[in-house]
């Protein structure tokens, strides 16, 4: 069956990064992947969580939210984060911390605010992919100011969704595909080909090892393209 937007099964949606999207954050980018748009702002503060005081390192944390009317019907603004929101925040934070040598960041906290302006599938993977660009831009400012060494940023990271829809393995699912997928996976990988996290769920029937290997190969191919797009904009 053809995909809703006519793409090949192994084809990403169009990807773009708009750096410097806001004026005040140390690092800012609007990432657009198909119909999904996420604003990622990286803020640097000269403080650390109490449990890190005296340990000679910094910290990176992340926030994530779906803004009202980012979805087909209005999503209420969250006053108390839902379980889904908290899980995605932790995922984005874990994924981006692998990029940084926190011992070289000094006693600073880098906070990534990832706000979904429009959701069309893959919002958490877009937040990670765009969040890396925002973090890299913020660290570049600190490096240029002589506050941290250039090797504080140790690698790049990107993420993508893959799944099985109507019996076909597909890369980078849009909402129409994600909502009816038999299998849905999110994969996070570094530039060295090391996996940070793999989330895989059988929405209907369980899937076998051969199907998983196919999906993982699709994800790696897509992430390689995303990593190249990140470096091009940086």
N, C-alpha and C. Protein backbone atom coordinates (compact mmCIF):
# COMPACT_ATOMS: atom_id res chain seq x y z
N UNK A 1 0.84 -1.21 0.00
CA UNK A 1 0.00 0.00 0.00
C UNK A 1 0.87 1.25 0.00
N UNK A 2 0.51 2.27 -0.77
CA UNK A 2 1.30 3.50 -0.77
C UNK A 2 1.17 4.23 0.56
N UNK A 3 2.22 4.96 0.92
CA UNK A 3 2.19 5.75 2.14
C UNK A 3 1.32 7.00 1.93
N UNK A 4 0.79 7.58 3.00
CA UNK A 4 -0.12 8.72 2.84
C UNK A 4 0.48 9.88 2.06
N UNK A 5 1.81 10.08 2.19
CA UNK A 5 2.46 11.19 1.49
C UNK A 5 3.28 10.74 0.29
N UNK A 6 3.11 9.47 -0.11
CA UNK A 6 3.76 8.98 -1.31
C UNK A 6 5.22 8.63 -1.18
N UNK A 7 5.76 8.63 0.06
CA UNK A 7 7.17 8.32 0.24
C UNK A 7 7.46 6.83 0.05
N UNK A 8 8.74 6.54 -0.23
CA UNK A 8 9.19 5.15 -0.20
C UNK A 8 9.20 4.66 1.25
N UNK A 9 9.14 3.36 1.47
CA UNK A 9 9.17 2.84 2.85
C UNK A 9 10.42 3.26 3.63
N UNK A 10 11.56 3.47 2.92
CA UNK A 10 12.81 3.80 3.59
C UNK A 10 13.17 5.28 3.50
N UNK A 11 12.17 6.13 3.27
CA UNK A 11 12.43 7.55 3.04
C UNK A 11 11.95 8.41 4.21
N UNK A 12 12.84 9.32 4.65
CA UNK A 12 12.46 10.30 5.66
C UNK A 12 11.50 11.33 5.08
N UNK A 13 10.74 11.97 5.95
CA UNK A 13 10.00 13.15 5.54
C UNK A 13 10.99 14.31 5.34
N UNK A 14 10.61 15.39 4.64
CA UNK A 14 11.50 16.54 4.50
C UNK A 14 11.91 17.09 5.88
N UNK A 15 13.20 17.37 6.03
CA UNK A 15 13.76 17.82 7.32
C UNK A 15 14.38 19.20 7.13
N UNK A 16 14.11 20.11 8.07
CA UNK A 16 14.78 21.41 8.04
C UNK A 16 15.02 21.89 9.46
N UNK A 17 16.09 22.68 9.63
CA UNK A 17 16.42 23.31 10.90
C UNK A 17 16.51 24.81 10.68
N UNK A 18 15.88 25.58 11.55
CA UNK A 18 16.00 27.04 11.51
C UNK A 18 16.69 27.49 12.78
N UNK A 19 18.02 27.67 12.74
CA UNK A 19 18.73 28.06 13.96
C UNK A 19 18.46 29.52 14.32
N UNK A 20 18.66 29.86 15.59
CA UNK A 20 18.43 31.22 16.03
C UNK A 20 16.97 31.64 15.93
N UNK A 21 16.05 30.70 16.13
CA UNK A 21 14.63 30.98 15.92
C UNK A 21 14.11 31.97 16.96
N UNK A 22 14.64 31.92 18.17
CA UNK A 22 14.32 32.93 19.18
C UNK A 22 15.59 33.70 19.53
N UNK A 23 15.41 34.90 20.06
CA UNK A 23 16.55 35.80 20.26
C UNK A 23 17.28 35.62 21.58
N UNK A 24 16.62 35.13 22.61
CA UNK A 24 17.19 35.23 23.95
C UNK A 24 17.87 33.96 24.45
N UNK A 25 17.46 32.80 23.96
CA UNK A 25 18.08 31.56 24.42
C UNK A 25 19.51 31.46 23.90
N UNK A 26 20.37 30.82 24.70
CA UNK A 26 21.76 30.62 24.27
C UNK A 26 21.85 29.76 23.01
N UNK A 27 20.90 28.85 22.86
CA UNK A 27 20.81 28.05 21.63
C UNK A 27 19.36 27.83 21.29
N UNK A 28 18.99 28.05 20.02
CA UNK A 28 17.59 27.93 19.64
C UNK A 28 17.47 27.40 18.22
N UNK A 29 16.51 26.52 18.00
CA UNK A 29 16.27 26.00 16.66
C UNK A 29 14.82 25.55 16.53
N UNK A 30 14.23 25.80 15.39
CA UNK A 30 12.95 25.20 15.04
C UNK A 30 13.25 24.04 14.11
N UNK A 31 12.89 22.84 14.54
CA UNK A 31 13.09 21.66 13.70
C UNK A 31 11.75 21.28 13.08
N UNK A 32 11.76 21.07 11.77
CA UNK A 32 10.57 20.66 11.04
C UNK A 32 10.85 19.33 10.35
N UNK A 33 10.04 18.34 10.67
CA UNK A 33 10.16 17.02 10.05
C UNK A 33 8.77 16.66 9.54
N UNK A 34 8.58 16.80 8.24
CA UNK A 34 7.24 16.63 7.70
C UNK A 34 6.32 17.68 8.29
N UNK A 35 5.18 17.23 8.83
CA UNK A 35 4.24 18.15 9.45
C UNK A 35 4.51 18.42 10.92
N UNK A 36 5.55 17.79 11.47
CA UNK A 36 5.89 17.98 12.88
C UNK A 36 6.87 19.14 13.03
N UNK A 37 6.55 20.06 13.94
CA UNK A 37 7.41 21.22 14.19
C UNK A 37 7.63 21.34 15.69
N UNK A 38 8.90 21.39 16.08
CA UNK A 38 9.24 21.49 17.50
C UNK A 38 10.23 22.63 17.69
N UNK A 39 9.92 23.52 18.61
CA UNK A 39 10.81 24.62 18.96
C UNK A 39 11.68 24.16 20.13
N UNK A 40 12.99 24.17 19.92
CA UNK A 40 13.94 23.73 20.95
C UNK A 40 14.79 24.91 21.38
N UNK A 41 14.72 25.28 22.65
CA UNK A 41 15.51 26.36 23.22
C UNK A 41 16.43 25.80 24.29
N UNK A 42 17.71 26.13 24.21
CA UNK A 42 18.70 25.70 25.20
C UNK A 42 19.11 26.90 26.04
N UNK A 43 18.94 26.78 27.35
CA UNK A 43 19.28 27.85 28.28
C UNK A 43 20.41 27.40 29.20
N UNK A 44 21.37 28.29 29.44
CA UNK A 44 22.50 28.00 30.32
C UNK A 44 22.35 28.82 31.60
N UNK A 45 22.40 28.14 32.74
CA UNK A 45 22.32 28.82 34.03
C UNK A 45 23.52 28.42 34.88
N UNK A 46 24.05 29.39 35.61
CA UNK A 46 25.23 29.14 36.45
C UNK A 46 24.82 28.57 37.80
N UNK A 47 24.18 27.44 37.75
CA UNK A 47 23.78 26.73 38.96
C UNK A 47 23.59 25.27 38.60
N UNK A 48 23.58 24.43 39.63
CA UNK A 48 23.39 22.99 39.43
C UNK A 48 22.43 22.47 40.49
N UNK A 49 21.86 21.29 40.28
CA UNK A 49 20.99 20.71 41.31
C UNK A 49 21.76 20.51 42.61
N UNK A 50 21.08 20.62 43.75
CA UNK A 50 21.76 20.48 45.06
C UNK A 50 22.57 19.20 45.20
N UNK A 51 22.10 18.11 44.60
CA UNK A 51 22.79 16.83 44.78
C UNK A 51 24.08 16.74 43.96
N UNK A 52 24.35 17.77 43.13
CA UNK A 52 25.59 17.79 42.36
C UNK A 52 26.63 18.76 42.92
N UNK A 53 26.25 19.54 43.93
CA UNK A 53 27.17 20.54 44.48
C UNK A 53 28.43 19.86 45.03
N UNK A 54 29.58 20.39 44.61
CA UNK A 54 30.84 19.86 45.08
C UNK A 54 31.38 18.68 44.30
N UNK A 55 30.66 18.24 43.27
CA UNK A 55 31.10 17.09 42.50
C UNK A 55 31.87 17.47 41.24
N UNK A 56 31.99 18.78 41.00
CA UNK A 56 32.82 19.24 39.88
C UNK A 56 32.26 18.94 38.51
N UNK A 57 30.97 19.02 38.36
CA UNK A 57 30.38 18.78 37.05
C UNK A 57 29.10 19.57 36.89
N UNK A 58 28.65 19.65 35.64
CA UNK A 58 27.40 20.31 35.33
C UNK A 58 26.28 19.31 35.11
N UNK A 59 25.17 19.80 34.53
CA UNK A 59 24.01 18.95 34.34
C UNK A 59 23.25 19.39 33.10
N UNK A 60 22.54 18.47 32.49
CA UNK A 60 21.64 18.75 31.39
C UNK A 60 20.29 18.14 31.72
N UNK A 61 19.25 18.93 31.55
CA UNK A 61 17.90 18.44 31.78
C UNK A 61 17.01 18.93 30.65
N UNK A 62 15.85 18.31 30.51
CA UNK A 62 14.98 18.65 29.38
C UNK A 62 13.53 18.78 29.82
N UNK A 63 12.82 19.66 29.15
CA UNK A 63 11.38 19.81 29.29
C UNK A 63 10.74 19.55 27.92
N UNK A 64 9.51 19.07 27.95
CA UNK A 64 8.79 18.76 26.71
C UNK A 64 7.33 19.07 26.93
N UNK A 65 6.69 19.67 25.94
CA UNK A 65 5.25 19.90 26.05
C UNK A 65 4.61 19.96 24.67
N UNK A 66 3.37 19.51 24.63
CA UNK A 66 2.52 19.68 23.45
C UNK A 66 1.72 20.96 23.66
N UNK A 67 1.93 21.96 22.82
CA UNK A 67 1.20 23.21 22.98
C UNK A 67 -0.25 23.06 22.52
N UNK A 68 -1.17 23.84 23.10
CA UNK A 68 -2.56 23.79 22.64
C UNK A 68 -2.65 24.03 21.13
N UNK A 69 -3.47 23.22 20.48
CA UNK A 69 -3.71 23.23 19.04
C UNK A 69 -2.50 22.78 18.24
N UNK A 70 -1.58 22.08 18.89
CA UNK A 70 -0.53 21.40 18.13
C UNK A 70 -1.06 20.10 17.54
N UNK A 71 -2.23 19.67 18.01
CA UNK A 71 -2.85 18.43 17.55
C UNK A 71 -4.18 18.73 16.87
N UNK A 72 -4.83 17.69 16.35
CA UNK A 72 -6.05 17.88 15.56
C UNK A 72 -7.16 18.52 16.39
N UNK A 73 -7.23 18.19 17.66
CA UNK A 73 -8.14 18.86 18.57
C UNK A 73 -7.30 19.53 19.65
N UNK A 74 -7.84 20.51 20.34
CA UNK A 74 -7.04 21.28 21.29
C UNK A 74 -6.56 20.41 22.43
N UNK A 75 -5.26 20.45 22.67
CA UNK A 75 -4.65 19.80 23.81
C UNK A 75 -4.59 20.81 24.95
N UNK A 76 -5.14 20.47 26.09
CA UNK A 76 -5.12 21.40 27.21
C UNK A 76 -3.68 21.66 27.68
N UNK A 77 -3.42 22.88 28.08
CA UNK A 77 -2.10 23.21 28.61
C UNK A 77 -1.91 22.49 29.94
N UNK A 78 -0.81 21.76 30.08
CA UNK A 78 -0.60 20.96 31.28
C UNK A 78 -0.12 21.82 32.45
N UNK A 79 -0.79 21.71 33.58
CA UNK A 79 -0.29 22.33 34.81
C UNK A 79 0.49 21.30 35.62
N UNK A 80 0.02 20.05 35.56
CA UNK A 80 0.76 18.93 36.14
C UNK A 80 1.13 17.99 35.00
N UNK A 81 2.43 17.73 34.77
CA UNK A 81 2.83 16.90 33.63
C UNK A 81 2.22 15.50 33.70
N UNK A 82 1.70 15.06 32.56
CA UNK A 82 1.16 13.70 32.48
C UNK A 82 2.30 12.68 32.51
N UNK A 83 1.94 11.42 32.67
CA UNK A 83 2.94 10.37 32.66
C UNK A 83 3.70 10.34 31.34
N UNK A 84 2.97 10.55 30.24
CA UNK A 84 3.62 10.56 28.92
C UNK A 84 4.63 11.70 28.83
N UNK A 85 4.23 12.89 29.28
CA UNK A 85 5.12 14.04 29.22
C UNK A 85 6.38 13.81 30.05
N UNK A 86 6.22 13.29 31.24
CA UNK A 86 7.38 13.03 32.10
C UNK A 86 8.32 12.00 31.48
N UNK A 87 7.73 10.98 30.87
CA UNK A 87 8.55 9.93 30.23
C UNK A 87 9.35 10.50 29.08
N UNK A 88 8.73 11.37 28.27
CA UNK A 88 9.44 11.97 27.14
C UNK A 88 10.52 12.92 27.62
N UNK A 89 10.24 13.69 28.66
CA UNK A 89 11.26 14.58 29.21
C UNK A 89 12.50 13.80 29.64
N UNK A 90 12.28 12.69 30.32
CA UNK A 90 13.42 11.87 30.76
C UNK A 90 14.17 11.30 29.56
N UNK A 91 13.42 10.87 28.53
CA UNK A 91 14.04 10.33 27.33
C UNK A 91 14.93 11.37 26.65
N UNK A 92 14.42 12.58 26.47
CA UNK A 92 15.18 13.64 25.81
C UNK A 92 16.42 13.97 26.63
N UNK A 93 16.27 14.07 27.94
CA UNK A 93 17.42 14.36 28.80
C UNK A 93 18.49 13.29 28.72
N UNK A 94 18.08 12.02 28.82
CA UNK A 94 19.05 10.91 28.73
C UNK A 94 19.79 10.93 27.40
N UNK A 95 19.03 11.19 26.34
CA UNK A 95 19.60 11.15 24.99
C UNK A 95 20.64 12.25 24.79
N UNK A 96 20.38 13.43 25.33
CA UNK A 96 21.28 14.56 25.10
C UNK A 96 22.45 14.59 26.07
N UNK A 97 22.30 13.97 27.23
CA UNK A 97 23.43 13.95 28.17
C UNK A 97 24.61 13.15 27.63
N UNK A 98 24.35 12.17 26.75
CA UNK A 98 25.47 11.39 26.21
C UNK A 98 26.36 12.23 25.30
N UNK A 99 25.86 13.39 24.85
CA UNK A 99 26.60 14.24 23.92
C UNK A 99 27.65 15.10 24.62
N UNK A 100 27.54 15.23 25.94
CA UNK A 100 28.32 16.23 26.66
C UNK A 100 29.19 15.58 27.72
N UNK A 101 30.43 16.07 27.85
CA UNK A 101 31.28 15.72 28.98
C UNK A 101 30.91 16.68 30.10
N UNK A 102 30.07 16.22 31.01
CA UNK A 102 29.53 17.09 32.05
C UNK A 102 30.61 17.59 33.00
N UNK A 103 31.74 16.88 33.08
CA UNK A 103 32.83 17.34 33.95
C UNK A 103 33.51 18.58 33.39
N UNK A 104 33.34 18.83 32.09
CA UNK A 104 33.95 20.01 31.46
C UNK A 104 32.97 21.17 31.32
N UNK A 105 31.71 20.92 31.68
CA UNK A 105 30.70 21.97 31.58
C UNK A 105 30.80 22.98 32.72
N UNK A 106 31.49 22.58 33.79
CA UNK A 106 31.53 23.44 34.97
C UNK A 106 30.22 23.34 35.73
N UNK A 107 30.09 24.13 36.78
CA UNK A 107 28.87 24.08 37.59
C UNK A 107 27.77 24.91 36.92
N UNK A 108 27.32 24.36 35.80
CA UNK A 108 26.27 24.99 35.01
C UNK A 108 25.20 23.95 34.67
N UNK A 109 24.00 24.43 34.45
CA UNK A 109 22.91 23.57 34.00
C UNK A 109 22.45 24.02 32.62
N UNK A 110 22.39 23.07 31.71
CA UNK A 110 21.87 23.32 30.36
C UNK A 110 20.46 22.73 30.31
N UNK A 111 19.48 23.59 30.13
CA UNK A 111 18.08 23.15 30.08
C UNK A 111 17.56 23.25 28.66
N UNK A 112 17.02 22.15 28.16
CA UNK A 112 16.42 22.11 26.83
C UNK A 112 14.90 22.16 26.96
N UNK A 113 14.29 23.21 26.45
CA UNK A 113 12.83 23.30 26.41
C UNK A 113 12.37 22.95 25.01
N UNK A 114 11.65 21.84 24.89
CA UNK A 114 11.19 21.35 23.59
C UNK A 114 9.67 21.46 23.54
N UNK A 115 9.18 22.44 22.79
CA UNK A 115 7.75 22.69 22.71
C UNK A 115 7.22 22.33 21.33
N UNK A 116 6.26 21.43 21.30
CA UNK A 116 5.69 20.97 20.04
C UNK A 116 4.66 21.99 19.56
N UNK A 117 4.97 22.63 18.44
CA UNK A 117 4.06 23.62 17.85
C UNK A 117 3.01 22.91 16.99
N UNK A 118 3.44 21.86 16.30
CA UNK A 118 2.52 21.07 15.48
C UNK A 118 2.97 19.62 15.51
N UNK A 119 2.04 18.72 15.77
CA UNK A 119 2.36 17.30 15.92
C UNK A 119 1.79 16.50 14.75
N UNK A 120 2.67 15.80 14.05
CA UNK A 120 2.25 14.88 13.00
C UNK A 120 3.09 13.62 13.07
N UNK A 121 3.22 13.08 14.29
CA UNK A 121 4.01 11.87 14.50
C UNK A 121 5.47 12.18 14.74
N UNK A 122 6.11 11.39 15.60
CA UNK A 122 7.55 11.53 15.84
C UNK A 122 7.95 12.78 16.60
N UNK A 123 7.10 13.25 17.52
CA UNK A 123 7.44 14.49 18.23
C UNK A 123 8.61 14.28 19.19
N UNK A 124 8.68 13.13 19.85
CA UNK A 124 9.79 12.92 20.79
C UNK A 124 11.12 12.76 20.06
N UNK A 125 11.09 12.11 18.90
CA UNK A 125 12.34 11.94 18.15
C UNK A 125 12.77 13.27 17.53
N UNK A 126 11.80 14.09 17.12
CA UNK A 126 12.14 15.42 16.61
C UNK A 126 12.71 16.29 17.71
N UNK A 127 12.18 16.16 18.94
CA UNK A 127 12.69 16.93 20.07
C UNK A 127 14.15 16.58 20.36
N UNK A 128 14.49 15.32 20.26
CA UNK A 128 15.88 14.90 20.48
C UNK A 128 16.78 15.42 19.37
N UNK A 129 16.33 15.26 18.13
CA UNK A 129 17.13 15.67 16.98
C UNK A 129 17.34 17.17 16.96
N UNK A 130 16.29 17.94 17.22
CA UNK A 130 16.42 19.39 17.29
C UNK A 130 17.10 19.85 18.56
N UNK A 131 16.86 19.13 19.66
CA UNK A 131 17.48 19.48 20.93
C UNK A 131 18.99 19.43 20.86
N UNK A 132 19.52 18.47 20.12
CA UNK A 132 20.98 18.40 19.96
C UNK A 132 21.51 19.67 19.29
N UNK A 133 20.84 20.13 18.25
CA UNK A 133 21.30 21.34 17.55
C UNK A 133 21.28 22.54 18.49
N UNK A 134 20.19 22.69 19.25
CA UNK A 134 20.09 23.81 20.19
C UNK A 134 21.20 23.72 21.24
N UNK A 135 21.46 22.51 21.76
CA UNK A 135 22.51 22.34 22.76
C UNK A 135 23.87 22.66 22.19
N UNK A 136 24.13 22.22 20.95
CA UNK A 136 25.42 22.49 20.32
C UNK A 136 25.63 23.99 20.12
N UNK A 137 24.57 24.69 19.75
CA UNK A 137 24.68 26.14 19.57
C UNK A 137 24.97 26.84 20.89
N UNK A 138 24.33 26.38 21.97
CA UNK A 138 24.56 26.98 23.28
C UNK A 138 25.99 26.72 23.76
N UNK A 139 26.47 25.51 23.56
CA UNK A 139 27.84 25.19 23.98
C UNK A 139 28.87 25.95 23.15
N UNK A 140 28.54 26.20 21.89
CA UNK A 140 29.44 26.98 21.05
C UNK A 140 29.63 28.39 21.61
N UNK A 141 28.57 28.98 22.14
CA UNK A 141 28.68 30.30 22.74
C UNK A 141 29.60 30.27 23.95
N UNK A 142 29.46 29.23 24.77
CA UNK A 142 30.32 29.11 25.95
C UNK A 142 31.77 28.89 25.55
N UNK A 143 31.98 28.10 24.50
CA UNK A 143 33.34 27.86 24.01
C UNK A 143 33.95 29.14 23.46
N UNK A 144 33.19 29.87 22.65
CA UNK A 144 33.69 31.12 22.07
C UNK A 144 34.03 32.15 23.14
N UNK A 145 33.33 32.08 24.28
CA UNK A 145 33.60 33.01 25.38
C UNK A 145 34.74 32.53 26.27
N UNK A 146 35.30 31.37 25.96
CA UNK A 146 36.41 30.84 26.73
C UNK A 146 36.01 30.25 28.06
N UNK A 147 34.72 29.91 28.21
CA UNK A 147 34.23 29.39 29.49
C UNK A 147 34.32 27.88 29.60
N UNK A 148 34.31 27.19 28.47
CA UNK A 148 34.44 25.72 28.48
C UNK A 148 35.37 25.32 27.33
N UNK A 149 36.01 24.16 27.42
CA UNK A 149 36.88 23.71 26.33
C UNK A 149 36.06 23.23 25.13
N UNK A 150 36.66 23.26 23.94
CA UNK A 150 35.92 22.84 22.73
C UNK A 150 35.46 21.40 22.77
N UNK A 151 36.15 20.55 23.52
CA UNK A 151 35.78 19.13 23.52
C UNK A 151 34.73 18.79 24.58
N UNK A 152 34.02 19.81 25.09
CA UNK A 152 32.90 19.52 26.00
C UNK A 152 31.81 18.77 25.27
N UNK A 153 31.58 19.13 24.01
CA UNK A 153 30.63 18.40 23.17
C UNK A 153 31.36 17.23 22.54
N UNK A 154 30.98 16.01 22.91
CA UNK A 154 31.78 14.85 22.54
C UNK A 154 31.21 14.06 21.37
N UNK A 155 29.93 14.21 21.08
CA UNK A 155 29.34 13.48 19.95
C UNK A 155 28.02 14.13 19.58
N UNK A 156 27.44 13.68 18.51
CA UNK A 156 26.10 14.13 18.13
C UNK A 156 25.14 12.96 18.28
N UNK A 157 23.86 13.28 18.35
CA UNK A 157 22.83 12.26 18.54
C UNK A 157 21.59 12.69 17.76
N UNK A 158 20.86 11.72 17.25
CA UNK A 158 19.59 11.97 16.57
C UNK A 158 18.68 10.77 16.81
N UNK A 159 17.41 10.95 16.48
CA UNK A 159 16.43 9.90 16.74
C UNK A 159 15.38 9.88 15.63
N UNK A 160 14.78 8.71 15.46
CA UNK A 160 13.74 8.56 14.43
C UNK A 160 12.79 7.46 14.84
N UNK A 161 11.59 7.50 14.30
CA UNK A 161 10.63 6.43 14.51
C UNK A 161 10.64 5.47 13.32
N UNK A 162 10.36 4.22 13.61
CA UNK A 162 10.17 3.21 12.57
C UNK A 162 8.99 2.34 13.00
N UNK A 163 8.41 1.64 12.05
CA UNK A 163 7.29 0.79 12.43
C UNK A 163 6.88 -0.13 11.30
N UNK A 164 5.97 -1.01 11.62
CA UNK A 164 5.38 -1.89 10.62
C UNK A 164 3.92 -1.47 10.45
N UNK A 165 3.59 -1.06 9.25
CA UNK A 165 2.24 -0.58 8.94
C UNK A 165 1.71 -1.39 7.76
N UNK A 166 0.57 -2.03 7.94
CA UNK A 166 -0.02 -2.87 6.89
C UNK A 166 0.98 -3.91 6.40
N UNK A 167 1.75 -4.45 7.34
CA UNK A 167 2.72 -5.50 7.04
C UNK A 167 4.02 -5.03 6.45
N UNK A 168 4.21 -3.71 6.31
CA UNK A 168 5.40 -3.16 5.65
C UNK A 168 6.25 -2.37 6.64
N UNK A 169 7.56 -2.68 6.75
CA UNK A 169 8.44 -1.87 7.58
C UNK A 169 8.61 -0.47 6.97
N UNK A 170 8.44 0.58 7.79
CA UNK A 170 8.51 1.95 7.28
C UNK A 170 9.34 2.83 8.22
N UNK A 171 10.01 3.79 7.60
CA UNK A 171 10.84 4.75 8.32
C UNK A 171 10.07 6.05 8.54
N UNK A 172 10.21 6.62 9.74
CA UNK A 172 9.72 7.98 10.04
C UNK A 172 8.20 8.06 9.83
N UNK A 173 7.46 7.49 10.77
CA UNK A 173 6.02 7.42 10.63
C UNK A 173 5.35 8.78 10.87
N UNK A 174 4.44 9.14 9.99
CA UNK A 174 3.59 10.30 10.24
C UNK A 174 2.43 9.84 11.12
N UNK A 175 1.59 10.78 11.55
CA UNK A 175 0.51 10.43 12.48
C UNK A 175 -0.45 9.40 11.88
N UNK A 176 -0.79 9.55 10.60
CA UNK A 176 -1.73 8.62 9.98
C UNK A 176 -1.21 7.19 10.00
N UNK A 177 0.11 7.03 9.92
CA UNK A 177 0.72 5.70 9.99
C UNK A 177 0.89 5.24 11.43
N UNK A 178 1.35 6.15 12.27
CA UNK A 178 1.61 5.81 13.67
C UNK A 178 0.33 5.35 14.37
N UNK A 179 -0.78 5.96 14.03
CA UNK A 179 -2.04 5.66 14.70
C UNK A 179 -2.58 4.27 14.36
N UNK A 180 -2.08 3.67 13.28
CA UNK A 180 -2.56 2.34 12.91
C UNK A 180 -1.43 1.33 12.77
N UNK A 181 -0.26 1.64 13.29
CA UNK A 181 0.90 0.76 13.14
C UNK A 181 0.71 -0.55 13.91
N UNK A 182 1.18 -1.64 13.32
CA UNK A 182 1.20 -2.93 14.01
C UNK A 182 2.35 -2.96 15.02
N UNK A 183 3.46 -2.33 14.64
CA UNK A 183 4.64 -2.23 15.51
C UNK A 183 5.15 -0.79 15.43
N UNK A 184 5.52 -0.24 16.57
CA UNK A 184 5.98 1.15 16.63
C UNK A 184 7.26 1.19 17.46
N UNK A 185 8.33 1.77 16.90
CA UNK A 185 9.61 1.85 17.60
C UNK A 185 10.19 3.26 17.49
N UNK A 186 10.88 3.69 18.54
CA UNK A 186 11.67 4.92 18.52
C UNK A 186 13.11 4.54 18.81
N UNK A 187 14.02 5.06 18.00
CA UNK A 187 15.44 4.68 18.11
C UNK A 187 16.28 5.94 18.23
N UNK A 188 17.19 5.95 19.21
CA UNK A 188 18.12 7.07 19.44
C UNK A 188 19.53 6.55 19.25
N UNK A 189 20.35 7.24 18.44
CA UNK A 189 21.68 6.74 18.11
C UNK A 189 22.67 7.89 18.01
N UNK A 190 23.93 7.63 18.40
CA UNK A 190 24.99 8.63 18.29
C UNK A 190 25.67 8.54 16.93
N UNK A 191 26.55 9.51 16.67
CA UNK A 191 27.28 9.53 15.41
C UNK A 191 28.20 8.33 15.27
N UNK A 192 28.59 7.73 16.39
CA UNK A 192 29.46 6.54 16.35
C UNK A 192 28.68 5.25 16.10
N UNK A 193 27.36 5.37 15.94
CA UNK A 193 26.55 4.19 15.71
C UNK A 193 26.17 3.46 16.98
N UNK A 194 26.33 4.11 18.12
CA UNK A 194 25.96 3.51 19.40
C UNK A 194 24.52 3.89 19.75
N UNK A 195 23.77 2.93 20.18
CA UNK A 195 22.37 3.17 20.51
C UNK A 195 22.24 3.69 21.93
N UNK A 196 21.48 4.76 22.09
CA UNK A 196 21.22 5.34 23.40
C UNK A 196 19.95 4.73 23.99
N UNK A 197 18.95 4.59 23.15
CA UNK A 197 17.69 4.01 23.63
C UNK A 197 16.92 3.45 22.44
N UNK A 198 16.24 2.34 22.69
CA UNK A 198 15.37 1.72 21.70
C UNK A 198 14.05 1.41 22.41
N UNK A 199 12.98 2.02 21.93
CA UNK A 199 11.65 1.76 22.47
C UNK A 199 10.84 1.04 21.40
N UNK A 200 10.42 -0.16 21.67
CA UNK A 200 9.68 -0.92 20.67
C UNK A 200 8.44 -1.57 21.26
N UNK A 201 7.32 -1.43 20.56
CA UNK A 201 6.05 -1.95 21.07
C UNK A 201 5.27 -2.63 19.96
N UNK A 202 4.76 -3.81 20.26
CA UNK A 202 3.81 -4.47 19.36
C UNK A 202 2.42 -3.97 19.71
N UNK A 203 1.84 -3.19 18.82
CA UNK A 203 0.52 -2.64 19.09
C UNK A 203 -0.58 -3.69 18.91
N UNK A 204 -0.27 -4.72 18.09
CA UNK A 204 -1.25 -5.79 17.86
C UNK A 204 -0.57 -7.13 18.11
N UNK A 205 -0.07 -7.77 17.04
CA UNK A 205 0.58 -9.05 17.19
C UNK A 205 2.07 -8.86 17.54
N UNK A 206 2.65 -9.76 18.35
CA UNK A 206 4.08 -9.69 18.63
C UNK A 206 4.90 -9.81 17.35
N UNK A 207 6.10 -9.23 17.35
CA UNK A 207 6.95 -9.28 16.16
C UNK A 207 8.20 -10.09 16.46
N UNK A 208 8.80 -10.64 15.39
CA UNK A 208 9.93 -11.53 15.58
C UNK A 208 11.26 -10.79 15.43
N UNK A 209 12.35 -11.52 15.64
CA UNK A 209 13.69 -10.93 15.60
C UNK A 209 14.03 -10.39 14.21
N UNK A 210 13.62 -11.11 13.17
CA UNK A 210 13.92 -10.67 11.81
C UNK A 210 13.26 -9.32 11.52
N UNK A 211 12.03 -9.14 11.97
CA UNK A 211 11.33 -7.86 11.77
C UNK A 211 12.03 -6.75 12.55
N UNK A 212 12.47 -7.06 13.76
CA UNK A 212 13.16 -6.06 14.58
C UNK A 212 14.47 -5.65 13.93
N UNK A 213 15.22 -6.61 13.41
CA UNK A 213 16.48 -6.29 12.74
C UNK A 213 16.25 -5.39 11.52
N UNK A 214 15.17 -5.66 10.79
CA UNK A 214 14.83 -4.83 9.63
C UNK A 214 14.52 -3.40 10.07
N UNK A 215 13.74 -3.26 11.14
CA UNK A 215 13.39 -1.93 11.63
C UNK A 215 14.62 -1.19 12.14
N UNK A 216 15.52 -1.90 12.81
CA UNK A 216 16.72 -1.27 13.34
C UNK A 216 17.63 -0.78 12.21
N UNK A 217 17.72 -1.55 11.14
CA UNK A 217 18.52 -1.13 9.99
C UNK A 217 17.90 0.10 9.32
N UNK A 218 16.57 0.12 9.22
CA UNK A 218 15.88 1.29 8.67
C UNK A 218 16.16 2.53 9.53
N UNK A 219 16.08 2.35 10.84
CA UNK A 219 16.31 3.47 11.76
C UNK A 219 17.72 4.00 11.63
N UNK A 220 18.70 3.10 11.56
CA UNK A 220 20.09 3.55 11.45
C UNK A 220 20.29 4.35 10.17
N UNK A 221 19.69 3.90 9.09
CA UNK A 221 19.81 4.63 7.82
C UNK A 221 19.22 6.04 7.96
N UNK A 222 18.03 6.13 8.55
CA UNK A 222 17.40 7.43 8.71
C UNK A 222 18.17 8.34 9.63
N UNK A 223 18.70 7.79 10.72
CA UNK A 223 19.45 8.61 11.68
C UNK A 223 20.73 9.13 11.05
N UNK A 224 21.37 8.34 10.21
CA UNK A 224 22.58 8.82 9.51
C UNK A 224 22.25 10.07 8.69
N UNK A 225 21.10 10.06 8.04
CA UNK A 225 20.69 11.23 7.26
C UNK A 225 20.42 12.43 8.16
N UNK A 226 19.79 12.19 9.30
CA UNK A 226 19.49 13.26 10.24
C UNK A 226 20.78 13.85 10.83
N UNK A 227 21.73 12.98 11.15
CA UNK A 227 23.03 13.47 11.68
C UNK A 227 23.73 14.36 10.66
N UNK A 228 23.67 13.97 9.40
CA UNK A 228 24.28 14.79 8.34
C UNK A 228 23.58 16.13 8.22
N UNK A 229 22.26 16.14 8.34
CA UNK A 229 21.50 17.40 8.26
C UNK A 229 21.83 18.31 9.44
N UNK A 230 22.01 17.72 10.61
CA UNK A 230 22.42 18.51 11.80
C UNK A 230 23.77 19.19 11.55
N UNK A 231 24.74 18.42 11.09
CA UNK A 231 26.07 18.97 10.89
C UNK A 231 26.08 20.05 9.80
N UNK A 232 25.22 19.89 8.80
CA UNK A 232 25.15 20.89 7.73
C UNK A 232 24.68 22.23 8.26
N UNK A 233 23.71 22.22 9.19
CA UNK A 233 23.21 23.48 9.72
C UNK A 233 24.14 24.07 10.76
N UNK A 234 24.93 23.22 11.41
CA UNK A 234 25.88 23.71 12.42
C UNK A 234 27.18 24.18 11.78
